[in-house]
């Protein structure tokens, strides 16, 4: 397990609890409190899911959910994936993009938490 993943385990667990409740306001409050490393970690999660190899290995139900929720926000997703986008902008996109980010994380976080159990 990578060092960044180990450092971000508490944040991932907190976000997972928030996702179970489907509470967008709690999610926004949590994102406000995250440091830059955590935001980078979340952007890396988005990058990994957008990777064709990873996306093709997801179950069909997850693929449909991601496509449906993220299609209207594809420009925001592209901004997050660009390395020269400022951390402030990435934070704001994640914070107010809960319409696409929460469904995306509902597929990513179970995969990450499964790494903790191994």
PDB file of N, CA and C in Angstrom:
ATOM      1  N   UNK A   1       0.846  -1.171   0.000  1.00  0.00           N
ATOM      2  CA  UNK A   1       0.000   0.000   0.000  1.00  0.00           C
ATOM      3  C   UNK A   1       0.896   1.240   0.000  1.00  0.00           C
ATOM      4  N   UNK A   2       0.541   2.228  -0.802  1.00  0.00           N
ATOM      5  CA  UNK A   2       1.376   3.416  -0.928  1.00  0.00           C
ATOM      6  C   UNK A   2       1.277   4.296   0.320  1.00  0.00           C
ATOM      7  N   UNK A   3       2.287   5.151   0.494  1.00  0.00           N
ATOM      8  CA  UNK A   3       2.317   6.041   1.660  1.00  0.00           C
ATOM      9  C   UNK A   3       1.165   7.032   1.630  1.00  0.00           C
ATOM     10  N   UNK A   4       0.853   7.567   0.438  1.00  0.00           N
ATOM     11  CA  UNK A   4      -0.240   8.545   0.355  1.00  0.00           C
ATOM     12  C   UNK A   4      -1.573   7.892   0.709  1.00  0.00           C
ATOM     13  N   UNK A   5      -1.744   6.641   0.322  1.00  0.00           N
ATOM     14  CA  UNK A   5      -2.975   5.946   0.663  1.00  0.00           C
ATOM     15  C   UNK A   5      -3.068   5.722   2.166  1.00  0.00           C
ATOM     16  N   UNK A   6      -1.968   5.341   2.788  1.00  0.00           N
ATOM     17  CA  UNK A   6      -1.958   5.123   4.237  1.00  0.00           C
ATOM     18  C   UNK A   6      -2.255   6.418   4.986  1.00  0.00           C
ATOM     19  N   UNK A   7      -1.702   7.536   4.506  1.00  0.00           N
ATOM     20  CA  UNK A   7      -1.951   8.821   5.167  1.00  0.00           C
ATOM     21  C   UNK A   7      -3.405   9.257   5.032  1.00  0.00           C
ATOM     22  N   UNK A   8      -4.041   8.862   3.954  1.00  0.00           N
ATOM     23  CA  UNK A   8      -5.397   9.327   3.674  1.00  0.00           C
ATOM     24  C   UNK A   8      -6.485   8.352   4.097  1.00  0.00           C
ATOM     25  N   UNK A   9      -6.129   7.292   4.799  1.00  0.00           N
ATOM     26  CA  UNK A   9      -7.118   6.310   5.239  1.00  0.00           C
ATOM     27  C   UNK A   9      -8.225   6.948   6.083  1.00  0.00           C
ATOM     28  N   UNK A  10      -7.906   7.803   7.063  1.00  0.00           N
ATOM     29  CA  UNK A  10      -9.000   8.406   7.852  1.00  0.00           C
ATOM     30  C   UNK A  10      -9.940   9.268   6.997  1.00  0.00           C
ATOM     31  N   UNK A  11      -9.397   9.970   6.038  1.00  0.00           N
ATOM     32  CA  UNK A  11     -10.237  10.810   5.179  1.00  0.00           C
ATOM     33  C   UNK A  11     -11.149   9.951   4.320  1.00  0.00           C
ATOM     34  N   UNK A  12     -10.599   8.878   3.778  1.00  0.00           N
ATOM     35  CA  UNK A  12     -11.396   7.977   2.941  1.00  0.00           C
ATOM     36  C   UNK A  12     -12.528   7.367   3.762  1.00  0.00           C
ATOM     37  N   UNK A  13     -12.232   6.977   4.988  1.00  0.00           N
ATOM     38  CA  UNK A  13     -13.266   6.407   5.846  1.00  0.00           C
ATOM     39  C   UNK A  13     -14.353   7.430   6.161  1.00  0.00           C
ATOM     40  N   UNK A  14     -13.973   8.672   6.415  1.00  0.00           N
ATOM     41  CA  UNK A  14     -14.948   9.725   6.693  1.00  0.00           C
ATOM     42  C   UNK A  14     -15.816  10.002   5.469  1.00  0.00           C
ATOM     43  N   UNK A  15     -15.185  10.069   4.305  1.00  0.00           N
ATOM     44  CA  UNK A  15     -15.957  10.276   3.079  1.00  0.00           C
ATOM     45  C   UNK A  15     -16.893   9.108   2.817  1.00  0.00           C
ATOM     46  N   UNK A  16     -16.451   7.907   3.137  1.00  0.00           N
ATOM     47  CA  UNK A  16     -17.291   6.728   2.946  1.00  0.00           C
ATOM     48  C   UNK A  16     -18.541   6.809   3.824  1.00  0.00           C
ATOM     49  N   UNK A  17     -18.383   7.258   5.067  1.00  0.00           N
ATOM     50  CA  UNK A  17     -19.535   7.438   5.952  1.00  0.00           C
ATOM     51  C   UNK A  17     -20.484   8.489   5.390  1.00  0.00           C
ATOM     52  N   UNK A  18     -19.923   9.552   4.873  1.00  0.00           N
ATOM     53  CA  UNK A  18     -20.722  10.635   4.287  1.00  0.00           C
ATOM     54  C   UNK A  18     -21.496  10.130   3.073  1.00  0.00           C
ATOM     55  N   UNK A  19     -20.856   9.288   2.279  1.00  0.00           N
ATOM     56  CA  UNK A  19     -21.502   8.770   1.079  1.00  0.00           C
ATOM     57  C   UNK A  19     -22.641   7.821   1.420  1.00  0.00           C
ATOM     58  N   UNK A  20     -22.485   7.077   2.491  1.00  0.00           N
ATOM     59  CA  UNK A  20     -23.561   6.178   2.891  1.00  0.00           C
ATOM     60  C   UNK A  20     -24.825   6.961   3.240  1.00  0.00           C
ATOM     61  N   UNK A  21     -24.641   8.153   3.794  1.00  0.00           N
ATOM     62  CA  UNK A  21     -25.787   8.986   4.172  1.00  0.00           C
ATOM     63  C   UNK A  21     -26.299   9.820   2.997  1.00  0.00           C
ATOM     64  N   UNK A  22     -25.529   9.893   1.914  1.00  0.00           N
ATOM     65  CA  UNK A  22     -25.877  10.688   0.728  1.00  0.00           C
ATOM     66  C   UNK A  22     -26.179  12.137   1.094  1.00  0.00           C
ATOM     67  N   UNK A  23     -25.316  12.712   1.911  1.00  0.00           N
ATOM     68  CA  UNK A  23     -25.516  14.070   2.384  1.00  0.00           C
ATOM     69  C   UNK A  23     -24.490  14.992   1.720  1.00  0.00           C
ATOM     70  N   UNK A  24     -24.938  15.774   0.749  1.00  0.00           N
ATOM     71  CA  UNK A  24     -24.048  16.648  -0.006  1.00  0.00           C
ATOM     72  C   UNK A  24     -23.499  17.786   0.853  1.00  0.00           C
ATOM     73  N   UNK A  25     -24.275  18.276   1.808  1.00  0.00           N
ATOM     74  CA  UNK A  25     -23.805  19.373   2.661  1.00  0.00           C
ATOM     75  C   UNK A  25     -22.642  18.923   3.541  1.00  0.00           C
ATOM     76  N   UNK A  26     -22.740  17.721   4.096  1.00  0.00           N
ATOM     77  CA  UNK A  26     -21.625  17.197   4.885  1.00  0.00           C
ATOM     78  C   UNK A  26     -20.383  17.036   4.014  1.00  0.00           C
ATOM     79  N   UNK A  27     -20.600  16.586   2.796  1.00  0.00           N
ATOM     80  CA  UNK A  27     -19.489  16.399   1.873  1.00  0.00           C
ATOM     81  C   UNK A  27     -18.777  17.725   1.610  1.00  0.00           C
ATOM     82  N   UNK A  28     -19.541  18.783   1.383  1.00  0.00           N
ATOM     83  CA  UNK A  28     -18.948  20.104   1.143  1.00  0.00           C
ATOM     84  C   UNK A  28     -18.144  20.575   2.344  1.00  0.00           C
ATOM     85  N   UNK A  29     -18.688  20.338   3.536  1.00  0.00           N
ATOM     86  CA  UNK A  29     -17.973  20.744   4.756  1.00  0.00           C
ATOM     87  C   UNK A  29     -16.673  19.961   4.922  1.00  0.00           C
ATOM     88  N   UNK A  30     -16.707  18.694   4.587  1.00  0.00           N
ATOM     89  CA  UNK A  30     -15.500  17.871   4.705  1.00  0.00           C
ATOM     90  C   UNK A  30     -14.443  18.352   3.722  1.00  0.00           C
ATOM     91  N   UNK A  31     -14.842  18.641   2.491  1.00  0.00           N
ATOM     92  CA  UNK A  31     -13.883  19.082   1.472  1.00  0.00           C
ATOM     93  C   UNK A  31     -13.243  20.410   1.877  1.00  0.00           C
ATOM     94  N   UNK A  32     -13.981  21.283   2.530  1.00  0.00           N
ATOM     95  CA  UNK A  32     -13.416  22.554   3.002  1.00  0.00           C
ATOM     96  C   UNK A  32     -12.247  22.322   3.946  1.00  0.00           C
ATOM     97  N   UNK A  33     -12.326  21.279   4.743  1.00  0.00           N
ATOM     98  CA  UNK A  33     -11.318  21.012   5.771  1.00  0.00           C
ATOM     99  C   UNK A  33     -10.122  20.200   5.275  1.00  0.00           C
ATOM    100  N   UNK A  34     -10.194  19.675   4.073  1.00  0.00           N
ATOM    101  CA  UNK A  34      -9.115  18.815   3.583  1.00  0.00           C
ATOM    102  C   UNK A  34      -7.873  19.627   3.229  1.00  0.00           C
ATOM    103  N   UNK A  35      -6.720  19.035   3.458  1.00  0.00           N
ATOM    104  CA  UNK A  35      -5.474  19.695   3.059  1.00  0.00           C
ATOM    105  C   UNK A  35      -5.178  19.383   1.589  1.00  0.00           C
ATOM    106  N   UNK A  36      -4.125  19.980   1.063  1.00  0.00           N
ATOM    107  CA  UNK A  36      -3.805  19.829  -0.358  1.00  0.00           C
ATOM    108  C   UNK A  36      -3.471  18.388  -0.738  1.00  0.00           C
ATOM    109  N   UNK A  37      -2.838  17.643   0.155  1.00  0.00           N
ATOM    110  CA  UNK A  37      -2.523  16.248  -0.139  1.00  0.00           C
ATOM    111  C   UNK A  37      -3.786  15.420  -0.342  1.00  0.00           C
ATOM    112  N   UNK A  38      -4.789  15.688   0.451  1.00  0.00           N
ATOM    113  CA  UNK A  38      -6.053  14.958   0.319  1.00  0.00           C
ATOM    114  C   UNK A  38      -6.763  15.307  -0.990  1.00  0.00           C
ATOM    115  N   UNK A  39      -6.712  16.570  -1.359  1.00  0.00           N
ATOM    116  CA  UNK A  39      -7.313  16.977  -2.633  1.00  0.00           C
ATOM    117  C   UNK A  39      -6.579  16.313  -3.791  1.00  0.00           C
ATOM    118  N   UNK A  40      -5.255  16.265  -3.705  1.00  0.00           N
ATOM    119  CA  UNK A  40      -4.472  15.571  -4.733  1.00  0.00           C
ATOM    120  C   UNK A  40      -4.856  14.102  -4.798  1.00  0.00           C
ATOM    121  N   UNK A  41      -5.065  13.503  -3.645  1.00  0.00           N
ATOM    122  CA  UNK A  41      -5.460  12.099  -3.577  1.00  0.00           C
ATOM    123  C   UNK A  41      -6.813  11.887  -4.259  1.00  0.00           C
ATOM    124  N   UNK A  42      -7.770  12.767  -3.988  1.00  0.00           N
ATOM    125  CA  UNK A  42      -9.091  12.653  -4.613  1.00  0.00           C
ATOM    126  C   UNK A  42      -9.004  12.855  -6.124  1.00  0.00           C
ATOM    127  N   UNK A  43      -8.160  13.789  -6.558  1.00  0.00           N
ATOM    128  CA  UNK A  43      -7.963  14.006  -7.992  1.00  0.00           C
ATOM    129  C   UNK A  43      -7.315  12.776  -8.629  1.00  0.00           C
ATOM    130  N   UNK A  44      -6.438  12.131  -7.889  1.00  0.00           N
ATOM    131  CA  UNK A  44      -5.812  10.905  -8.386  1.00  0.00           C
ATOM    132  C   UNK A  44      -6.852   9.784  -8.508  1.00  0.00           C
ATOM    133  N   UNK A  45      -7.794   9.740  -7.597  1.00  0.00           N
ATOM    134  CA  UNK A  45      -8.884   8.766  -7.693  1.00  0.00           C
ATOM    135  C   UNK A  45      -9.696   8.993  -8.968  1.00  0.00           C
ATOM    136  N   UNK A  46      -9.990  10.262  -9.253  1.00  0.00           N
ATOM    137  CA  UNK A  46     -10.724  10.594 -10.481  1.00  0.00           C
ATOM    138  C   UNK A  46      -9.904  10.191 -11.705  1.00  0.00           C
ATOM    139  N   UNK A  47      -8.609  10.475 -11.674  1.00  0.00           N
ATOM    140  CA  UNK A  47      -7.725  10.132 -12.790  1.00  0.00           C
ATOM    141  C   UNK A  47      -7.719   8.619 -13.014  1.00  0.00           C
ATOM    142  N   UNK A  48      -7.662   7.860 -11.942  1.00  0.00           N
ATOM    143  CA  UNK A  48      -7.626   6.409 -12.067  1.00  0.00           C
ATOM    144  C   UNK A  48      -8.922   5.851 -12.636  1.00  0.00           C
ATOM    145  N   UNK A  49     -10.047   6.403 -12.213  1.00  0.00           N
ATOM    146  CA  UNK A  49     -11.330   5.924 -12.740  1.00  0.00           C
ATOM    147  C   UNK A  49     -11.492   6.314 -14.203  1.00  0.00           C
ATOM    148  N   UNK A  50     -10.957   7.468 -14.584  1.00  0.00           N
ATOM    149  CA  UNK A  50     -11.051   7.912 -15.975  1.00  0.00           C
ATOM    150  C   UNK A  50     -10.091   7.150 -16.882  1.00  0.00           C
ATOM    151  N   UNK A  51      -9.151   6.440 -16.307  1.00  0.00           N
ATOM    152  CA  UNK A  51      -8.227   5.624 -17.092  1.00  0.00           C
ATOM    153  C   UNK A  51      -9.030   4.521 -17.788  1.00  0.00           C
ATOM    154  N   UNK A  52      -8.787   4.339 -19.054  1.00  0.00           N
ATOM    155  CA  UNK A  52      -9.564   3.400 -19.856  1.00  0.00           C
ATOM    156  C   UNK A  52      -9.442   1.975 -19.326  1.00  0.00           C
ATOM    157  N   UNK A  53      -8.249   1.574 -18.929  1.00  0.00           N
ATOM    158  CA  UNK A  53      -8.047   0.209 -18.439  1.00  0.00           C
ATOM    159  C   UNK A  53      -8.847  -0.051 -17.168  1.00  0.00           C
ATOM    160  N   UNK A  54      -8.832   0.906 -16.259  1.00  0.00           N
ATOM    161  CA  UNK A  54      -9.579   0.747 -15.007  1.00  0.00           C
ATOM    162  C   UNK A  54     -11.071   0.788 -15.284  1.00  0.00           C
ATOM    163  N   UNK A  55     -11.499   1.741 -16.098  1.00  0.00           N
ATOM    164  CA  UNK A  55     -12.922   1.905 -16.389  1.00  0.00           C
ATOM    165  C   UNK A  55     -13.497   0.656 -17.048  1.00  0.00           C
ATOM    166  N   UNK A  56     -12.755   0.056 -17.962  1.00  0.00           N
ATOM    167  CA  UNK A  56     -13.237  -1.139 -18.654  1.00  0.00           C
ATOM    168  C   UNK A  56     -13.353  -2.345 -17.724  1.00  0.00           C
ATOM    169  N   UNK A  57     -12.614  -2.351 -16.622  1.00  0.00           N
ATOM    170  CA  UNK A  57     -12.678  -3.465 -15.680  1.00  0.00           C
ATOM    171  C   UNK A  57     -13.761  -3.306 -14.618  1.00  0.00           C
ATOM    172  N   UNK A  58     -14.430  -2.163 -14.595  1.00  0.00           N
ATOM    173  CA  UNK A  58     -15.511  -1.948 -13.631  1.00  0.00           C
ATOM    174  C   UNK A  58     -16.748  -2.742 -14.049  1.00  0.00           C
ATOM    175  N   UNK A  59     -17.594  -3.096 -13.081  1.00  0.00           N
ATOM    176  CA  UNK A  59     -18.859  -3.747 -13.426  1.00  0.00           C
ATOM    177  C   UNK A  59     -19.729  -2.816 -14.277  1.00  0.00           C
ATOM    178  N   UNK A  60     -20.556  -3.404 -15.121  1.00  0.00           N
ATOM    179  CA  UNK A  60     -21.376  -2.620 -16.062  1.00  0.00           C
ATOM    180  C   UNK A  60     -22.287  -1.630 -15.332  1.00  0.00           C
ATOM    181  N   UNK A  61     -22.812  -2.009 -14.187  1.00  0.00           N
ATOM    182  CA  UNK A  61     -23.679  -1.117 -13.424  1.00  0.00           C
ATOM    183  C   UNK A  61     -22.913   0.134 -12.971  1.00  0.00           C
ATOM    184  N   UNK A  62     -21.675  -0.033 -12.550  1.00  0.00           N
ATOM    185  CA  UNK A  62     -20.848   1.106 -12.136  1.00  0.00           C
ATOM    186  C   UNK A  62     -20.532   2.001 -13.328  1.00  0.00           C
ATOM    187  N   UNK A  63     -20.240   1.385 -14.468  1.00  0.00           N
ATOM    188  CA  UNK A  63     -19.943   2.175 -15.670  1.00  0.00           C
ATOM    189  C   UNK A  63     -21.122   3.064 -16.041  1.00  0.00           C
ATOM    190  N   UNK A  64     -22.323   2.500 -16.013  1.00  0.00           N
ATOM    191  CA  UNK A  64     -23.515   3.273 -16.357  1.00  0.00           C
ATOM    192  C   UNK A  64     -23.727   4.420 -15.386  1.00  0.00           C
ATOM    193  N   UNK A  65     -23.511   4.141 -14.107  1.00  0.00           N
ATOM    194  CA  UNK A  65     -23.696   5.160 -13.076  1.00  0.00           C
ATOM    195  C   UNK A  65     -22.705   6.306 -13.272  1.00  0.00           C
ATOM    196  N   UNK A  66     -21.456   5.973 -13.567  1.00  0.00           N
ATOM    197  CA  UNK A  66     -20.428   6.994 -13.775  1.00  0.00           C
ATOM    198  C   UNK A  66     -20.722   7.801 -15.028  1.00  0.00           C
ATOM    199  N   UNK A  67     -21.062   7.121 -16.116  1.00  0.00           N
ATOM    200  CA  UNK A  67     -21.362   7.840 -17.372  1.00  0.00           C
ATOM    201  C   UNK A  67     -22.526   8.797 -17.196  1.00  0.00           C
ATOM    202  N   UNK A  68     -23.590   8.323 -16.567  1.00  0.00           N
ATOM    203  CA  UNK A  68     -24.794   9.136 -16.402  1.00  0.00           C
ATOM    204  C   UNK A  68     -24.535  10.360 -15.532  1.00  0.00           C
ATOM    205  N   UNK A  69     -23.802  10.172 -14.445  1.00  0.00           N
ATOM    206  CA  UNK A  69     -23.600  11.283 -13.518  1.00  0.00           C
ATOM    207  C   UNK A  69     -22.517  12.253 -13.979  1.00  0.00           C
ATOM    208  N   UNK A  70     -21.534  11.770 -14.726  1.00  0.00           N
ATOM    209  CA  UNK A  70     -20.399  12.632 -15.056  1.00  0.00           C
ATOM    210  C   UNK A  70     -20.509  13.316 -16.416  1.00  0.00           C
ATOM    211  N   UNK A  71     -21.379  12.859 -17.280  1.00  0.00           N
ATOM    212  CA  UNK A  71     -21.450  13.440 -18.629  1.00  0.00           C
ATOM    213  C   UNK A  71     -21.689  14.954 -18.629  1.00  0.00           C
ATOM    214  N   UNK A  72     -22.624  15.486 -17.846  1.00  0.00           N
ATOM    215  CA  UNK A  72     -22.814  16.948 -17.863  1.00  0.00           C
ATOM    216  C   UNK A  72     -21.636  17.730 -17.284  1.00  0.00           C
ATOM    217  N   UNK A  73     -20.747  17.058 -16.584  1.00  0.00           N
ATOM    218  CA  UNK A  73     -19.647  17.728 -15.885  1.00  0.00           C
ATOM    219  C   UNK A  73     -18.286  17.405 -16.496  1.00  0.00           C
ATOM    220  N   UNK A  74     -18.271  17.003 -17.753  1.00  0.00           N
ATOM    221  CA  UNK A  74     -17.000  16.546 -18.334  1.00  0.00           C
ATOM    222  C   UNK A  74     -15.944  17.650 -18.379  1.00  0.00           C
ATOM    223  N   UNK A  75     -16.336  18.914 -18.519  1.00  0.00           N
ATOM    224  CA  UNK A  75     -15.348  20.001 -18.509  1.00  0.00           C
ATOM    225  C   UNK A  75     -14.716  20.165 -17.134  1.00  0.00           C
ATOM    226  N   UNK A  76     -15.511  20.011 -16.081  1.00  0.00           N
ATOM    227  CA  UNK A  76     -14.962  20.074 -14.726  1.00  0.00           C
ATOM    228  C   UNK A  76     -13.995  18.917 -14.478  1.00  0.00           C
ATOM    229  N   UNK A  77     -14.340  17.759 -14.956  1.00  0.00           N
ATOM    230  CA  UNK A  77     -13.468  16.593 -14.789  1.00  0.00           C
ATOM    231  C   UNK A  77     -12.148  16.816 -15.513  1.00  0.00           C
ATOM    232  N   UNK A  78     -12.217  17.383 -16.702  1.00  0.00           N
ATOM    233  CA  UNK A  78     -10.986  17.667 -17.452  1.00  0.00           C
ATOM    234  C   UNK A  78     -10.108  18.662 -16.701  1.00  0.00           C
ATOM    235  N   UNK A  79     -10.730  19.661 -16.059  1.00  0.00           N
ATOM    236  CA  UNK A  79      -9.960  20.645 -15.299  1.00  0.00           C
ATOM    237  C   UNK A  79      -9.250  19.989 -14.115  1.00  0.00           C
ATOM    238  N   UNK A  80      -9.941  19.071 -13.461  1.00  0.00           N
ATOM    239  CA  UNK A  80      -9.329  18.380 -12.325  1.00  0.00           C
ATOM    240  C   UNK A  80      -8.136  17.547 -12.771  1.00  0.00           C
ATOM    241  N   UNK A  81      -8.216  16.959 -13.934  1.00  0.00           N
ATOM    242  CA  UNK A  81      -7.155  16.080 -14.407  1.00  0.00           C
ATOM    243  C   UNK A  81      -5.937  16.834 -14.925  1.00  0.00           C
ATOM    244  N   UNK A  82      -6.093  18.113 -15.242  1.00  0.00           N
ATOM    245  CA  UNK A  82      -4.956  18.888 -15.729  1.00  0.00           C
ATOM    246  C   UNK A  82      -4.010  19.222 -14.574  1.00  0.00           C
ATOM    247  N   UNK A  83      -2.725  18.991 -14.752  1.00  0.00           N
ATOM    248  CA  UNK A  83      -1.779  19.241 -13.647  1.00  0.00           C
ATOM    249  C   UNK A  83      -1.578  20.725 -13.333  1.00  0.00           C
ATOM    250  N   UNK A  84      -1.820  21.600 -14.288  1.00  0.00           N
ATOM    251  CA  UNK A  84      -1.576  23.022 -14.039  1.00  0.00           C
ATOM    252  C   UNK A  84      -2.770  23.743 -13.425  1.00  0.00           C
ATOM    253  N   UNK A  85      -3.882  23.060 -13.207  1.00  0.00           N
ATOM    254  CA  UNK A  85      -5.016  23.681 -12.531  1.00  0.00           C
ATOM    255  C   UNK A  85      -4.661  23.874 -11.062  1.00  0.00           C
ATOM    256  N   UNK A  86      -4.942  25.051 -10.541  1.00  0.00           N
ATOM    257  CA  UNK A  86      -4.560  25.360  -9.162  1.00  0.00           C
ATOM    258  C   UNK A  86      -5.334  24.493  -8.173  1.00  0.00           C
ATOM    259  N   UNK A  87      -4.735  24.308  -7.017  1.00  0.00           N
ATOM    260  CA  UNK A  87      -5.358  23.499  -5.970  1.00  0.00           C
ATOM    261  C   UNK A  87      -6.664  24.144  -5.504  1.00  0.00           C
ATOM    262  N   UNK A  88      -6.704  25.472  -5.489  1.00  0.00           N
ATOM    263  CA  UNK A  88      -7.917  26.191  -5.099  1.00  0.00           C
ATOM    264  C   UNK A  88      -9.070  25.846  -6.050  1.00  0.00           C
ATOM    265  N   UNK A  89      -8.798  25.860  -7.359  1.00  0.00           N
ATOM    266  CA  UNK A  89      -9.845  25.547  -8.337  1.00  0.00           C
ATOM    267  C   UNK A  89     -10.280  24.095  -8.228  1.00  0.00           C
ATOM    268  N   UNK A  90      -9.304  23.203  -8.027  1.00  0.00           N
ATOM    269  CA  UNK A  90      -9.647  21.781  -7.878  1.00  0.00           C
ATOM    270  C   UNK A  90     -10.535  21.571  -6.663  1.00  0.00           C
ATOM    271  N   UNK A  91     -10.208  22.240  -5.572  1.00  0.00           N
ATOM    272  CA  UNK A  91     -11.003  22.121  -4.352  1.00  0.00           C
ATOM    273  C   UNK A  91     -12.437  22.596  -4.599  1.00  0.00           C
ATOM    274  N   UNK A  92     -12.585  23.733  -5.270  1.00  0.00           N
ATOM    275  CA  UNK A  92     -13.915  24.279  -5.540  1.00  0.00           C
ATOM    276  C   UNK A  92     -14.710  23.368  -6.476  1.00  0.00           C
ATOM    277  N   UNK A  93     -14.047  22.811  -7.476  1.00  0.00           N
ATOM    278  CA  UNK A  93     -14.730  21.907  -8.401  1.00  0.00           C
ATOM    279  C   UNK A  93     -15.222  20.673  -7.660  1.00  0.00           C
ATOM    280  N   UNK A  94     -14.382  20.118  -6.805  1.00  0.00           N
ATOM    281  CA  UNK A  94     -14.784  18.937  -6.036  1.00  0.00           C
ATOM    282  C   UNK A  94     -15.891  19.294  -5.049  1.00  0.00           C
ATOM    283  N   UNK A  95     -15.736  20.428  -4.400  1.00  0.00           N
ATOM    284  CA  UNK A  95     -16.688  20.831  -3.373  1.00  0.00           C
ATOM    285  C   UNK A  95     -18.084  21.049  -3.941  1.00  0.00           C
ATOM    286  N   UNK A  96     -18.175  21.723  -5.061  1.00  0.00           N
ATOM    287  CA  UNK A  96     -19.482  22.045  -5.616  1.00  0.00           C
ATOM    288  C   UNK A  96     -19.900  21.111  -6.737  1.00  0.00           C
ATOM    289  N   UNK A  97     -19.076  20.142  -7.032  1.00  0.00           N
ATOM    290  CA  UNK A  97     -19.423  19.163  -8.055  1.00  0.00           C
ATOM    291  C   UNK A  97     -19.922  17.873  -7.454  1.00  0.00           C
ATOM    292  N   UNK A  98     -20.621  17.972  -6.324  1.00  0.00           N
ATOM    293  CA  UNK A  98     -21.058  16.756  -5.650  1.00  0.00           C
ATOM    294  C   UNK A  98     -22.038  15.955  -6.500  1.00  0.00           C
ATOM    295  N   UNK A  99     -22.635  16.582  -7.514  1.00  0.00           N
ATOM    296  CA  UNK A  99     -23.544  15.861  -8.404  1.00  0.00           C
ATOM    297  C   UNK A  99     -22.844  14.778  -9.209  1.00  0.00           C
ATOM    298  N   UNK A 100     -21.599  14.985  -9.542  1.00  0.00           N
ATOM    299  CA  UNK A 100     -20.849  13.950 -10.267  1.00  0.00           C
ATOM    300  C   UNK A 100     -19.802  13.290  -9.389  1.00  0.00           C
ATOM    301  N   UNK A 101     -19.309  14.008  -8.404  1.00  0.00           N
ATOM    302  CA  UNK A 101     -18.213  13.474  -7.616  1.00  0.00           C
ATOM    303  C   UNK A 101     -18.680  12.421  -6.620  1.00  0.00           C
ATOM    304  N   UNK A 102     -19.830  12.628  -6.008  1.00  0.00           N
ATOM    305  CA  UNK A 102     -20.342  11.640  -5.062  1.00  0.00           C
ATOM    306  C   UNK A 102     -20.616  10.298  -5.737  1.00  0.00           C
ATOM    307  N   UNK A 103     -21.302  10.257  -6.888  1.00  0.00           N
ATOM    308  CA  UNK A 103     -21.485   8.955  -7.544  1.00  0.00           C
ATOM    309  C   UNK A 103     -20.163   8.310  -7.963  1.00  0.00           C
ATOM    310  N   UNK A 104     -19.215   9.133  -8.367  1.00  0.00           N
ATOM    311  CA  UNK A 104     -17.911   8.607  -8.742  1.00  0.00           C
ATOM    312  C   UNK A 104     -17.224   7.980  -7.531  1.00  0.00           C
ATOM    313  N   UNK A 105     -17.276   8.666  -6.409  1.00  0.00           N
ATOM    314  CA  UNK A 105     -16.649   8.140  -5.207  1.00  0.00           C
ATOM    315  C   UNK A 105     -17.370   6.916  -4.655  1.00  0.00           C
ATOM    316  N   UNK A 106     -18.664   6.795  -4.910  1.00  0.00           N
ATOM    317  CA  UNK A 106     -19.370   5.604  -4.432  1.00  0.00           C
ATOM    318  C   UNK A 106     -18.868   4.349  -5.128  1.00  0.00           C
ATOM    319  N   UNK A 107     -18.267   4.500  -6.289  1.00  0.00           N
ATOM    320  CA  UNK A 107     -17.673   3.337  -6.944  1.00  0.00           C
ATOM    321  C   UNK A 107     -16.212   3.165  -6.564  1.00  0.00           C
ATOM    322  N   UNK A 108     -15.522   4.269  -6.301  1.00  0.00           N
ATOM    323  CA  UNK A 108     -14.093   4.207  -6.008  1.00  0.00           C
ATOM    324  C   UNK A 108     -13.820   3.800  -4.560  1.00  0.00           C
ATOM    325  N   UNK A 109     -14.541   4.368  -3.617  1.00  0.00           N
ATOM    326  CA  UNK A 109     -14.237   4.136  -2.208  1.00  0.00           C
ATOM    327  C   UNK A 109     -14.391   2.668  -1.797  1.00  0.00           C
ATOM    328  N   UNK A 110     -15.403   1.945  -2.256  1.00  0.00           N
ATOM    329  CA  UNK A 110     -15.419   0.515  -1.900  1.00  0.00           C
ATOM    330  C   UNK A 110     -14.185  -0.238  -2.391  1.00  0.00           C
ATOM    331  N   UNK A 111     -13.672   0.157  -3.560  1.00  0.00           N
ATOM    332  CA  UNK A 111     -12.446  -0.482  -4.048  1.00  0.00           C
ATOM    333  C   UNK A 111     -11.273  -0.151  -3.142  1.00  0.00           C
ATOM    334  N   UNK A 112     -11.192   1.095  -2.697  1.00  0.00           N
ATOM    335  CA  UNK A 112     -10.094   1.507  -1.820  1.00  0.00           C
ATOM    336  C   UNK A 112     -10.227   0.829  -0.462  1.00  0.00           C
ATOM    337  N   UNK A 113     -11.429   0.802   0.090  1.00  0.00           N
ATOM    338  CA  UNK A 113     -11.602   0.178   1.401  1.00  0.00           C
ATOM    339  C   UNK A 113     -11.348  -1.315   1.345  1.00  0.00           C
ATOM    340  N   UNK A 114     -11.545  -1.930   0.194  1.00  0.00           N
ATOM    341  CA  UNK A 114     -11.232  -3.359   0.089  1.00  0.00           C
ATOM    342  C   UNK A 114      -9.720  -3.587   0.226  1.00  0.00           C
ATOM    343  N   UNK A 115      -8.917  -2.577  -0.110  1.00  0.00           N
ATOM    344  CA  UNK A 115      -7.470  -2.689   0.083  1.00  0.00           C
ATOM    345  C   UNK A 115      -7.110  -2.720   1.566  1.00  0.00           C
ATOM    346  N   UNK A 116      -7.925  -2.059   2.393  1.00  0.00           N
ATOM    347  CA  UNK A 116      -7.635  -2.019   3.836  1.00  0.00           C
ATOM    348  C   UNK A 116      -7.837  -3.385   4.483  1.00  0.00           C
ATOM    349  N   UNK A 117      -8.794  -4.137   3.958  1.00  0.00           N
ATOM    350  CA  UNK A 117      -9.115  -5.427   4.571  1.00  0.00           C
ATOM    351  C   UNK A 117      -8.108  -6.506   4.205  1.00  0.00           C
ATOM    352  N   UNK A 118      -7.345  -6.289   3.140  1.00  0.00           N
ATOM    353  CA  UNK A 118      -6.375  -7.302   2.704  1.00  0.00           C
ATOM    354  C   UNK A 118      -5.101  -7.230   3.506  1.00  0.00           C
TER     355      UNK A 118
END
